[in-house]
Amino acid sequence: MTTTSYPLRIPGEILTLSRMRAEEEHLDLSTALRQFLHVGAEEYILELIVQGRITIGKASELMNKTVYDVQRIAQKHGVKIGATAEQIHKSRNTAKQVLR
């Protein structure tokens, strides 16, 4: 993963929380801020998957993770992703028709 420096205005409350986390977890402030940013990005990507705006494959590409990692992250956040029962049923029927 490549990183880029970017000037950013951060609300005081977020800085306070980041300092608390940095102290509790023995991190530097920048690492704590990046961790918060990463968690927010994960949640946003999961929202996009649930809304059907991106695929799990695209999400894994954006997160630089495997598809299985994305599924574990979704499970950690309590988000169900994947095909619905109706979609699975339709897929099976389509496959049966194609195989005939």
PDB file of N, CA and C in Angstrom:
ATOM      1  N   MET A   1       0.840  -1.167   0.000  1.00  0.00           N
ATOM      2  CA  MET A   1       0.000   0.000   0.000  1.00  0.00           C
ATOM      3  C   MET A   1       0.886   1.231   0.000  1.00  0.00           C
ATOM      4  N   THR A   2       0.571   2.147  -0.875  1.00  0.00           N
ATOM      5  CA  THR A   2       1.315   3.397  -0.908  1.00  0.00           C
ATOM      6  C   THR A   2       0.611   4.429  -0.039  1.00  0.00           C
ATOM      7  N   THR A   3       1.366   5.341   0.481  1.00  0.00           N
ATOM      8  CA  THR A   3       0.782   6.409   1.293  1.00  0.00           C
ATOM      9  C   THR A   3       1.096   7.751   0.659  1.00  0.00           C
ATOM     10  N   THR A   4       0.231   8.715   0.950  1.00  0.00           N
ATOM     11  CA  THR A   4       0.379  10.059   0.430  1.00  0.00           C
ATOM     12  C   THR A   4       0.176  11.042   1.565  1.00  0.00           C
ATOM     13  N   SER A   5       1.017  12.018   1.632  1.00  0.00           N
ATOM     14  CA  SER A   5       0.861  13.079   2.621  1.00  0.00           C
ATOM     15  C   SER A   5      -0.260  14.002   2.148  1.00  0.00           C
ATOM     16  N   TYR A   6      -1.145  14.410   3.087  1.00  0.00           N
ATOM     17  CA  TYR A   6      -2.273  15.259   2.726  1.00  0.00           C
ATOM     18  C   TYR A   6      -2.577  16.199   3.894  1.00  0.00           C
ATOM     19  N   PRO A   7      -2.609  17.512   3.638  1.00  0.00           N
ATOM     20  CA  PRO A   7      -2.948  18.445   4.725  1.00  0.00           C
ATOM     21  C   PRO A   7      -4.433  18.287   5.077  1.00  0.00           C
ATOM     22  N   LEU A   8      -4.725  18.301   6.358  1.00  0.00           N
ATOM     23  CA  LEU A   8      -6.083  18.011   6.797  1.00  0.00           C
ATOM     24  C   LEU A   8      -6.411  18.768   8.072  1.00  0.00           C
ATOM     25  N   ARG A   9      -7.607  19.334   8.121  1.00  0.00           N
ATOM     26  CA  ARG A   9      -8.097  19.954   9.357  1.00  0.00           C
ATOM     27  C   ARG A   9      -8.889  18.895  10.107  1.00  0.00           C
ATOM     28  N   ILE A  10      -8.505  18.666  11.351  1.00  0.00           N
ATOM     29  CA  ILE A  10      -9.123  17.610  12.151  1.00  0.00           C
ATOM     30  C   ILE A  10      -9.843  18.238  13.334  1.00  0.00           C
ATOM     31  N   PRO A  11     -11.116  17.882  13.528  1.00  0.00           N
ATOM     32  CA  PRO A  11     -11.848  18.425  14.675  1.00  0.00           C
ATOM     33  C   PRO A  11     -11.140  18.087  15.995  1.00  0.00           C
ATOM     34  N   GLY A  12     -11.219  19.007  16.929  1.00  0.00           N
ATOM     35  CA  GLY A  12     -10.570  18.833  18.228  1.00  0.00           C
ATOM     36  C   GLY A  12     -10.991  17.571  18.953  1.00  0.00           C
ATOM     37  N   GLU A  13     -12.265  17.222  18.843  1.00  0.00           N
ATOM     38  CA  GLU A  13     -12.768  16.027  19.522  1.00  0.00           C
ATOM     39  C   GLU A  13     -12.096  14.768  18.985  1.00  0.00           C
ATOM     40  N   ILE A  14     -11.898  14.725  17.664  1.00  0.00           N
ATOM     41  CA  ILE A  14     -11.250  13.568  17.049  1.00  0.00           C
ATOM     42  C   ILE A  14      -9.790  13.494  17.491  1.00  0.00           C
ATOM     43  N   LEU A  15      -9.136  14.655  17.582  1.00  0.00           N
ATOM     44  CA  LEU A  15      -7.750  14.674  18.069  1.00  0.00           C
ATOM     45  C   LEU A  15      -7.664  14.193  19.510  1.00  0.00           C
ATOM     46  N   THR A  16      -8.621  14.619  20.328  1.00  0.00           N
ATOM     47  CA  THR A  16      -8.641  14.191  21.728  1.00  0.00           C
ATOM     48  C   THR A  16      -8.786  12.676  21.811  1.00  0.00           C
ATOM     49  N   LEU A  17      -9.737  12.126  21.044  1.00  0.00           N
ATOM     50  CA  LEU A  17      -9.917  10.670  21.033  1.00  0.00           C
ATOM     51  C   LEU A  17      -8.668   9.961  20.517  1.00  0.00           C
ATOM     52  N   SER A  18      -8.054  10.529  19.514  1.00  0.00           N
ATOM     53  CA  SER A  18      -6.845   9.925  18.948  1.00  0.00           C
ATOM     54  C   SER A  18      -5.701   9.931  19.959  1.00  0.00           C
ATOM     55  N   ARG A  19      -5.581  11.026  20.696  1.00  0.00           N
ATOM     56  CA  ARG A  19      -4.539  11.091  21.729  1.00  0.00           C
ATOM     57  C   ARG A  19      -4.791  10.052  22.817  1.00  0.00           C
ATOM     58  N   MET A  20      -6.073   9.899  23.202  1.00  0.00           N
ATOM     59  CA  MET A  20      -6.424   8.896  24.209  1.00  0.00           C
ATOM     60  C   MET A  20      -6.049   7.498  23.712  1.00  0.00           C
ATOM     61  N   ARG A  21      -6.418   7.212  22.473  1.00  0.00           N
ATOM     62  CA  ARG A  21      -6.113   5.897  21.910  1.00  0.00           C
ATOM     63  C   ARG A  21      -4.603   5.693  21.816  1.00  0.00           C
ATOM     64  N   ALA A  22      -3.906   6.712  21.360  1.00  0.00           N
ATOM     65  CA  ALA A  22      -2.450   6.619  21.219  1.00  0.00           C
ATOM     66  C   ALA A  22      -1.798   6.308  22.560  1.00  0.00           C
ATOM     67  N   GLU A  23      -2.268   6.984  23.602  1.00  0.00           N
ATOM     68  CA  GLU A  23      -1.702   6.756  24.935  1.00  0.00           C
ATOM     69  C   GLU A  23      -2.032   5.361  25.447  1.00  0.00           C
ATOM     70  N   GLU A  24      -3.304   4.951  25.307  1.00  0.00           N
ATOM     71  CA  GLU A  24      -3.732   3.645  25.813  1.00  0.00           C
ATOM     72  C   GLU A  24      -3.069   2.479  25.084  1.00  0.00           C
ATOM     73  N   GLU A  25      -2.869   2.645  23.778  1.00  0.00           N
ATOM     74  CA  GLU A  25      -2.332   1.544  22.973  1.00  0.00           C
ATOM     75  C   GLU A  25      -0.854   1.722  22.637  1.00  0.00           C
ATOM     76  N   HIS A  26      -0.219   2.723  23.255  1.00  0.00           N
ATOM     77  CA  HIS A  26       1.206   2.992  23.058  1.00  0.00           C
ATOM     78  C   HIS A  26       1.534   3.189  21.574  1.00  0.00           C
ATOM     79  N   LEU A  27       0.774   4.102  20.943  1.00  0.00           N
ATOM     80  CA  LEU A  27       0.952   4.435  19.538  1.00  0.00           C
ATOM     81  C   LEU A  27       1.344   5.898  19.418  1.00  0.00           C
ATOM     82  N   ASP A  28       1.823   6.264  18.236  1.00  0.00           N
ATOM     83  CA  ASP A  28       1.994   7.695  17.995  1.00  0.00           C
ATOM     84  C   ASP A  28       0.662   8.239  17.477  1.00  0.00           C
ATOM     85  N   LEU A  29       0.480   9.529  17.551  1.00  0.00           N
ATOM     86  CA  LEU A  29      -0.784  10.170  17.189  1.00  0.00           C
ATOM     87  C   LEU A  29      -1.162   9.894  15.736  1.00  0.00           C
ATOM     88  N   SER A  30      -0.198   9.936  14.842  1.00  0.00           N
ATOM     89  CA  SER A  30      -0.481   9.690  13.419  1.00  0.00           C
ATOM     90  C   SER A  30      -1.049   8.296  13.188  1.00  0.00           C
ATOM     91  N   THR A  31      -0.504   7.308  13.874  1.00  0.00           N
ATOM     92  CA  THR A  31      -0.997   5.934  13.729  1.00  0.00           C
ATOM     93  C   THR A  31      -2.422   5.822  14.228  1.00  0.00           C
ATOM     94  N   ALA A  32      -2.716   6.443  15.368  1.00  0.00           N
ATOM     95  CA  ALA A  32      -4.080   6.401  15.912  1.00  0.00           C
ATOM     96  C   ALA A  32      -5.058   7.060  14.944  1.00  0.00           C
ATOM     97  N   LEU A  33      -4.681   8.180  14.360  1.00  0.00           N
ATOM     98  CA  LEU A  33      -5.542   8.860  13.387  1.00  0.00           C
ATOM     99  C   LEU A  33      -5.770   7.985  12.151  1.00  0.00           C
ATOM    100  N   ARG A  34      -4.698   7.348  11.661  1.00  0.00           N
ATOM    101  CA  ARG A  34      -4.838   6.471  10.490  1.00  0.00           C
ATOM    102  C   ARG A  34      -5.753   5.291  10.801  1.00  0.00           C
ATOM    103  N   GLN A  35      -5.685   4.762  12.017  1.00  0.00           N
ATOM    104  CA  GLN A  35      -6.554   3.648  12.392  1.00  0.00           C
ATOM    105  C   GLN A  35      -8.020   4.071  12.364  1.00  0.00           C
ATOM    106  N   PHE A  36      -8.314   5.254  12.880  1.00  0.00           N
ATOM    107  CA  PHE A  36      -9.691   5.755  12.827  1.00  0.00           C
ATOM    108  C   PHE A  36     -10.145   5.945  11.382  1.00  0.00           C
ATOM    109  N   LEU A  37      -9.282   6.478  10.564  1.00  0.00           N
ATOM    110  CA  LEU A  37      -9.593   6.685   9.156  1.00  0.00           C
ATOM    111  C   LEU A  37      -9.858   5.351   8.461  1.00  0.00           C
ATOM    112  N   HIS A  38      -9.054   4.369   8.791  1.00  0.00           N
ATOM    113  CA  HIS A  38      -9.197   3.036   8.192  1.00  0.00           C
ATOM    114  C   HIS A  38     -10.538   2.397   8.566  1.00  0.00           C
ATOM    115  N   VAL A  39     -10.920   2.517   9.827  1.00  0.00           N
ATOM    116  CA  VAL A  39     -12.199   1.944  10.277  1.00  0.00           C
ATOM    117  C   VAL A  39     -13.365   2.619   9.557  1.00  0.00           C
ATOM    118  N   GLY A  40     -13.297   3.928   9.401  1.00  0.00           N
ATOM    119  CA  GLY A  40     -14.342   4.649   8.677  1.00  0.00           C
ATOM    120  C   GLY A  40     -14.423   4.213   7.229  1.00  0.00           C
ATOM    121  N   ALA A  41     -13.276   3.993   6.601  1.00  0.00           N
ATOM    122  CA  ALA A  41     -13.248   3.540   5.214  1.00  0.00           C
ATOM    123  C   ALA A  41     -13.847   2.146   5.091  1.00  0.00           C
ATOM    124  N   GLU A  42     -13.541   1.274   6.038  1.00  0.00           N
ATOM    125  CA  GLU A  42     -14.120  -0.079   6.033  1.00  0.00           C
ATOM    126  C   GLU A  42     -15.639  -0.010   6.093  1.00  0.00           C
ATOM    127  N   GLU A  43     -16.148   0.795   7.008  1.00  0.00           N
ATOM    128  CA  GLU A  43     -17.599   0.912   7.163  1.00  0.00           C
ATOM    129  C   GLU A  43     -18.246   1.465   5.895  1.00  0.00           C
ATOM    130  N   TYR A  44     -17.605   2.443   5.273  1.00  0.00           N
ATOM    131  CA  TYR A  44     -18.147   3.026   4.043  1.00  0.00           C
ATOM    132  C   TYR A  44     -18.166   1.990   2.914  1.00  0.00           C
ATOM    133  N   ILE A  45     -17.099   1.243   2.768  1.00  0.00           N
ATOM    134  CA  ILE A  45     -17.044   0.217   1.726  1.00  0.00           C
ATOM    135  C   ILE A  45     -18.114  -0.839   1.960  1.00  0.00           C
ATOM    136  N   LEU A  46     -18.331  -1.222   3.212  1.00  0.00           N
ATOM    137  CA  LEU A  46     -19.381  -2.200   3.507  1.00  0.00           C
ATOM    138  C   LEU A  46     -20.760  -1.647   3.140  1.00  0.00           C
ATOM    139  N   GLU A  47     -20.983  -0.371   3.397  1.00  0.00           N
ATOM    140  CA  GLU A  47     -22.247   0.262   2.997  1.00  0.00           C
ATOM    141  C   GLU A  47     -22.433   0.178   1.482  1.00  0.00           C
ATOM    142  N   LEU A  48     -21.366   0.449   0.745  1.00  0.00           N
ATOM    143  CA  LEU A  48     -21.441   0.393  -0.723  1.00  0.00           C
ATOM    144  C   LEU A  48     -21.783  -1.018  -1.203  1.00  0.00           C
ATOM    145  N   ILE A  49     -21.213  -2.021  -0.550  1.00  0.00           N
ATOM    146  CA  ILE A  49     -21.513  -3.412  -0.922  1.00  0.00           C
ATOM    147  C   ILE A  49     -22.981  -3.713  -0.650  1.00  0.00           C
ATOM    148  N   VAL A  50     -23.446  -3.364   0.538  1.00  0.00           N
ATOM    149  CA  VAL A  50     -24.837  -3.640   0.920  1.00  0.00           C
ATOM    150  C   VAL A  50     -25.811  -2.946  -0.029  1.00  0.00           C
ATOM    151  N   GLN A  51     -25.481  -1.735  -0.454  1.00  0.00           N
ATOM    152  CA  GLN A  51     -26.335  -0.981  -1.373  1.00  0.00           C
ATOM    153  C   GLN A  51     -26.250  -1.512  -2.807  1.00  0.00           C
ATOM    154  N   GLY A  52     -25.314  -2.416  -3.043  1.00  0.00           N
ATOM    155  CA  GLY A  52     -25.152  -2.962  -4.387  1.00  0.00           C
ATOM    156  C   GLY A  52     -24.405  -2.036  -5.327  1.00  0.00           C
ATOM    157  N   ARG A  53     -23.711  -1.053  -4.770  1.00  0.00           N
ATOM    158  CA  ARG A  53     -22.992  -0.084  -5.602  1.00  0.00           C
ATOM    159  C   ARG A  53     -21.623  -0.591  -6.033  1.00  0.00           C
ATOM    160  N   ILE A  54     -21.036  -1.500  -5.242  1.00  0.00           N
ATOM    161  CA  ILE A  54     -19.789  -2.152  -5.641  1.00  0.00           C
ATOM    162  C   ILE A  54     -19.873  -3.628  -5.272  1.00  0.00           C
ATOM    163  N   THR A  55     -19.052  -4.422  -5.925  1.00  0.00           N
ATOM    164  CA  THR A  55     -19.001  -5.855  -5.633  1.00  0.00           C
ATOM    165  C   THR A  55     -18.009  -6.115  -4.506  1.00  0.00           C
ATOM    166  N   ILE A  56     -18.080  -7.316  -3.973  1.00  0.00           N
ATOM    167  CA  ILE A  56     -17.114  -7.712  -2.954  1.00  0.00           C
ATOM    168  C   ILE A  56     -15.718  -7.724  -3.561  1.00  0.00           C
ATOM    169  N   GLY A  57     -15.625  -8.137  -4.821  1.00  0.00           N
ATOM    170  CA  GLY A  57     -14.335  -8.137  -5.504  1.00  0.00           C
ATOM    171  C   GLY A  57     -13.741  -6.746  -5.612  1.00  0.00           C
ATOM    172  N   LYS A  58     -14.565  -5.774  -5.972  1.00  0.00           N
ATOM    173  CA  LYS A  58     -14.096  -4.386  -6.068  1.00  0.00           C
ATOM    174  C   LYS A  58     -13.709  -3.861  -4.690  1.00  0.00           C
ATOM    175  N   ALA A  59     -14.493  -4.217  -3.683  1.00  0.00           N
ATOM    176  CA  ALA A  59     -14.182  -3.798  -2.319  1.00  0.00           C
ATOM    177  C   ALA A  59     -12.835  -4.363  -1.883  1.00  0.00           C
ATOM    178  N   SER A  60     -12.581  -5.621  -2.199  1.00  0.00           N
ATOM    179  CA  SER A  60     -11.309  -6.219  -1.814  1.00  0.00           C
ATOM    180  C   SER A  60     -10.153  -5.515  -2.520  1.00  0.00           C
ATOM    181  N   GLU A  61     -10.385  -5.118  -3.767  1.00  0.00           N
ATOM    182  CA  GLU A  61      -9.366  -4.377  -4.522  1.00  0.00           C
ATOM    183  C   GLU A  61      -9.099  -3.011  -3.870  1.00  0.00           C
ATOM    184  N   LEU A  62     -10.165  -2.295  -3.520  1.00  0.00           N
ATOM    185  CA  LEU A  62     -10.020  -0.972  -2.905  1.00  0.00           C
ATOM    186  C   LEU A  62      -9.343  -1.042  -1.530  1.00  0.00           C
ATOM    187  N   MET A  63      -9.608  -2.120  -0.815  1.00  0.00           N
ATOM    188  CA  MET A  63      -9.058  -2.269   0.529  1.00  0.00           C
ATOM    189  C   MET A  63      -7.697  -2.972   0.526  1.00  0.00           C
ATOM    190  N   ASN A  64      -7.292  -3.444  -0.652  1.00  0.00           N
ATOM    191  CA  ASN A  64      -6.049  -4.206  -0.764  1.00  0.00           C
ATOM    192  C   ASN A  64      -6.085  -5.435   0.144  1.00  0.00           C
ATOM    193  N   LYS A  65      -7.228  -6.122   0.107  1.00  0.00           N
ATOM    194  CA  LYS A  65      -7.462  -7.318   0.921  1.00  0.00           C
ATOM    195  C   LYS A  65      -8.022  -8.405   0.013  1.00  0.00           C
ATOM    196  N   THR A  66      -8.086  -9.622   0.532  1.00  0.00           N
ATOM    197  CA  THR A  66      -8.721 -10.697  -0.222  1.00  0.00           C
ATOM    198  C   THR A  66     -10.232 -10.618  -0.035  1.00  0.00           C
ATOM    199  N   VAL A  67     -10.956 -11.316  -0.880  1.00  0.00           N
ATOM    200  CA  VAL A  67     -12.416 -11.381  -0.749  1.00  0.00           C
ATOM    201  C   VAL A  67     -12.779 -11.971   0.611  1.00  0.00           C
ATOM    202  N   TYR A  68     -12.020 -12.962   1.053  1.00  0.00           N
ATOM    203  CA  TYR A  68     -12.288 -13.585   2.351  1.00  0.00           C
ATOM    204  C   TYR A  68     -12.048 -12.595   3.497  1.00  0.00           C
ATOM    205  N   ASP A  69     -11.036 -11.741   3.354  1.00  0.00           N
ATOM    206  CA  ASP A  69     -10.795 -10.710   4.361  1.00  0.00           C
ATOM    207  C   ASP A  69     -11.983  -9.750   4.441  1.00  0.00           C
ATOM    208  N   VAL A  70     -12.522  -9.369   3.287  1.00  0.00           N
ATOM    209  CA  VAL A  70     -13.683  -8.469   3.253  1.00  0.00           C
ATOM    210  C   VAL A  70     -14.869  -9.136   3.944  1.00  0.00           C
ATOM    211  N   GLN A  71     -15.060 -10.417   3.715  1.00  0.00           N
ATOM    212  CA  GLN A  71     -16.159 -11.128   4.371  1.00  0.00           C
ATOM    213  C   GLN A  71     -15.959 -11.162   5.884  1.00  0.00           C
ATOM    214  N   ARG A  72     -14.731 -11.363   6.330  1.00  0.00           N
ATOM    215  CA  ARG A  72     -14.449 -11.355   7.777  1.00  0.00           C
ATOM    216  C   ARG A  72     -14.678  -9.966   8.372  1.00  0.00           C
ATOM    217  N   ILE A  73     -14.272  -8.924   7.639  1.00  0.00           N
ATOM    218  CA  ILE A  73     -14.480  -7.553   8.114  1.00  0.00           C
ATOM    219  C   ILE A  73     -15.978  -7.268   8.225  1.00  0.00           C
ATOM    220  N   ALA A  74     -16.743  -7.709   7.239  1.00  0.00           N
ATOM    221  CA  ALA A  74     -18.198  -7.519   7.280  1.00  0.00           C
ATOM    222  C   ALA A  74     -18.786  -8.227   8.484  1.00  0.00           C
ATOM    223  N   GLN A  75     -18.336  -9.450   8.727  1.00  0.00           N
ATOM    224  CA  GLN A  75     -18.835 -10.208   9.874  1.00  0.00           C
ATOM    225  C   GLN A  75     -18.489  -9.495  11.179  1.00  0.00           C
ATOM    226  N   LYS A  76     -17.272  -8.950  11.256  1.00  0.00           N
ATOM    227  CA  LYS A  76     -16.829  -8.219  12.451  1.00  0.00           C
ATOM    228  C   LYS A  76     -17.730  -7.016  12.715  1.00  0.00           C
ATOM    229  N   HIS A  77     -18.190  -6.369  11.641  1.00  0.00           N
ATOM    230  CA  HIS A  77     -19.050  -5.191  11.764  1.00  0.00           C
ATOM    231  C   HIS A  77     -20.533  -5.563  11.834  1.00  0.00           C
ATOM    232  N   GLY A  78     -20.830  -6.870  11.812  1.00  0.00           N
ATOM    233  CA  GLY A  78     -22.215  -7.315  11.883  1.00  0.00           C
ATOM    234  C   GLY A  78     -22.996  -7.070  10.607  1.00  0.00           C
ATOM    235  N   VAL A  79     -22.299  -7.024   9.471  1.00  0.00           N
ATOM    236  CA  VAL A  79     -22.930  -6.763   8.180  1.00  0.00           C
ATOM    237  C   VAL A  79     -22.973  -8.063   7.387  1.00  0.00           C
ATOM    238  N   LYS A  80     -24.157  -8.425   6.915  1.00  0.00           N
ATOM    239  CA  LYS A  80     -24.293  -9.621   6.090  1.00  0.00           C
ATOM    240  C   LYS A  80     -24.126  -9.230   4.630  1.00  0.00           C
ATOM    241  N   ILE A  81     -23.177  -9.889   3.973  1.00  0.00           N
ATOM    242  CA  ILE A  81     -22.965  -9.635   2.549  1.00  0.00           C
ATOM    243  C   ILE A  81     -23.021 -10.957   1.809  1.00  0.00           C
ATOM    244  N   GLY A  82     -23.258 -10.872   0.544  1.00  0.00           N
ATOM    245  CA  GLY A  82     -23.372 -12.079  -0.273  1.00  0.00           C
ATOM    246  C   GLY A  82     -24.768 -12.168  -0.848  1.00  0.00           C
ATOM    247  N   ALA A  83     -25.010 -13.263  -1.507  1.00  0.00           N
ATOM    248  CA  ALA A  83     -26.289 -13.458  -2.178  1.00  0.00           C
ATOM    249  C   ALA A  83     -27.415 -13.700  -1.175  1.00  0.00           C
ATOM    250  N   THR A  84     -28.601 -13.201  -1.523  1.00  0.00           N
ATOM    251  CA  THR A  84     -29.786 -13.469  -0.708  1.00  0.00           C
ATOM    252  C   THR A  84     -30.316 -14.848  -1.074  1.00  0.00           C
ATOM    253  N   ALA A  85     -31.218 -15.362  -0.271  1.00  0.00           N
ATOM    254  CA  ALA A  85     -31.809 -16.671  -0.554  1.00  0.00           C
ATOM    255  C   ALA A  85     -32.507 -16.656  -1.916  1.00  0.00           C
ATOM    256  N   GLU A  86     -33.173 -15.560  -2.230  1.00  0.00           N
ATOM    257  CA  GLU A  86     -33.858 -15.434  -3.523  1.00  0.00           C
ATOM    258  C   GLU A  86     -32.862 -15.461  -4.685  1.00  0.00           C
ATOM    259  N   GLN A  87     -31.753 -14.762  -4.534  1.00  0.00           N
ATOM    260  CA  GLN A  87     -30.733 -14.750  -5.585  1.00  0.00           C
ATOM    261  C   GLN A  87     -30.124 -16.135  -5.787  1.00  0.00           C
ATOM    262  N   ILE A  88     -29.892 -16.849  -4.709  1.00  0.00           N
ATOM    263  CA  ILE A  88     -29.352 -18.203  -4.806  1.00  0.00           C
ATOM    264  C   ILE A  88     -30.335 -19.101  -5.528  1.00  0.00           C
ATOM    265  N   HIS A  89     -31.615 -18.990  -5.191  1.00  0.00           N
ATOM    266  CA  HIS A  89     -32.657 -19.794  -5.829  1.00  0.00           C
ATOM    267  C   HIS A  89     -32.708 -19.514  -7.336  1.00  0.00           C
ATOM    268  N   LYS A  90     -32.685 -18.240  -7.710  1.00  0.00           N
ATOM    269  CA  LYS A  90     -32.701 -17.874  -9.128  1.00  0.00           C
ATOM    270  C   LYS A  90     -31.464 -18.400  -9.847  1.00  0.00           C
ATOM    271  N   SER A  91     -30.315 -18.323  -9.183  1.00  0.00           N
ATOM    272  CA  SER A  91     -29.078 -18.815  -9.794  1.00  0.00           C
ATOM    273  C   SER A  91     -29.140 -20.315 -10.036  1.00  0.00           C
ATOM    274  N   ARG A  92     -29.676 -21.041  -9.089  1.00  0.00           N
ATOM    275  CA  ARG A  92     -29.804 -22.507  -9.254  1.00  0.00           C
ATOM    276  C   ARG A  92     -30.739 -22.837 -10.406  1.00  0.00           C
ATOM    277  N   ASN A  93     -31.859 -22.126 -10.484  1.00  0.00           N
ATOM    278  CA  ASN A  93     -32.805 -22.379 -11.578  1.00  0.00           C
ATOM    279  C   ASN A  93     -32.168 -22.056 -12.931  1.00  0.00           C
ATOM    280  N   THR A  94     -31.442 -20.969 -12.998  1.00  0.00           N
ATOM    281  CA  THR A  94     -30.769 -20.607 -14.239  1.00  0.00           C
ATOM    282  C   THR A  94     -29.737 -21.652 -14.624  1.00  0.00           C
ATOM    283  N   ALA A  95     -28.979 -22.109 -13.650  1.00  0.00           N
ATOM    284  CA  ALA A  95     -27.956 -23.137 -13.926  1.00  0.00           C
ATOM    285  C   ALA A  95     -28.603 -24.424 -14.425  1.00  0.00           C
ATOM    286  N   LYS A  96     -29.729 -24.811 -13.832  1.00  0.00           N
ATOM    287  CA  LYS A  96     -30.438 -26.022 -14.265  1.00  0.00           C
ATOM    288  C   LYS A  96     -30.911 -25.888 -15.718  1.00  0.00           C
ATOM    289  N   GLN A  97     -31.408 -24.698 -16.048  1.00  0.00           N
ATOM    290  CA  GLN A  97     -31.885 -24.470 -17.423  1.00  0.00           C
ATOM    291  C   GLN A  97     -30.725 -24.506 -18.415  1.00  0.00           C
ATOM    292  N   VAL A  98     -29.606 -23.943 -18.040  1.00  0.00           N
ATOM    293  CA  VAL A  98     -28.444 -23.908 -18.926  1.00  0.00           C
ATOM    294  C   VAL A  98     -27.886 -25.315 -19.143  1.00  0.00           C
ATOM    295  N   LEU A  99     -27.903 -26.127 -18.105  1.00  0.00           N
ATOM    296  CA  LEU A  99     -27.349 -27.471 -18.187  1.00  0.00           C
ATOM    297  C   LEU A  99     -28.245 -28.464 -18.935  1.00  0.00           C
ATOM    298  N   ARG A 100     -29.474 -28.095 -19.196  1.00  0.00           N
ATOM    299  CA  ARG A 100     -30.392 -29.004 -19.908  1.00  0.00           C
ATOM    300  C   ARG A 100     -30.055 -29.096 -21.340  1.00  0.00           C
TER     301      ARG A 100
END
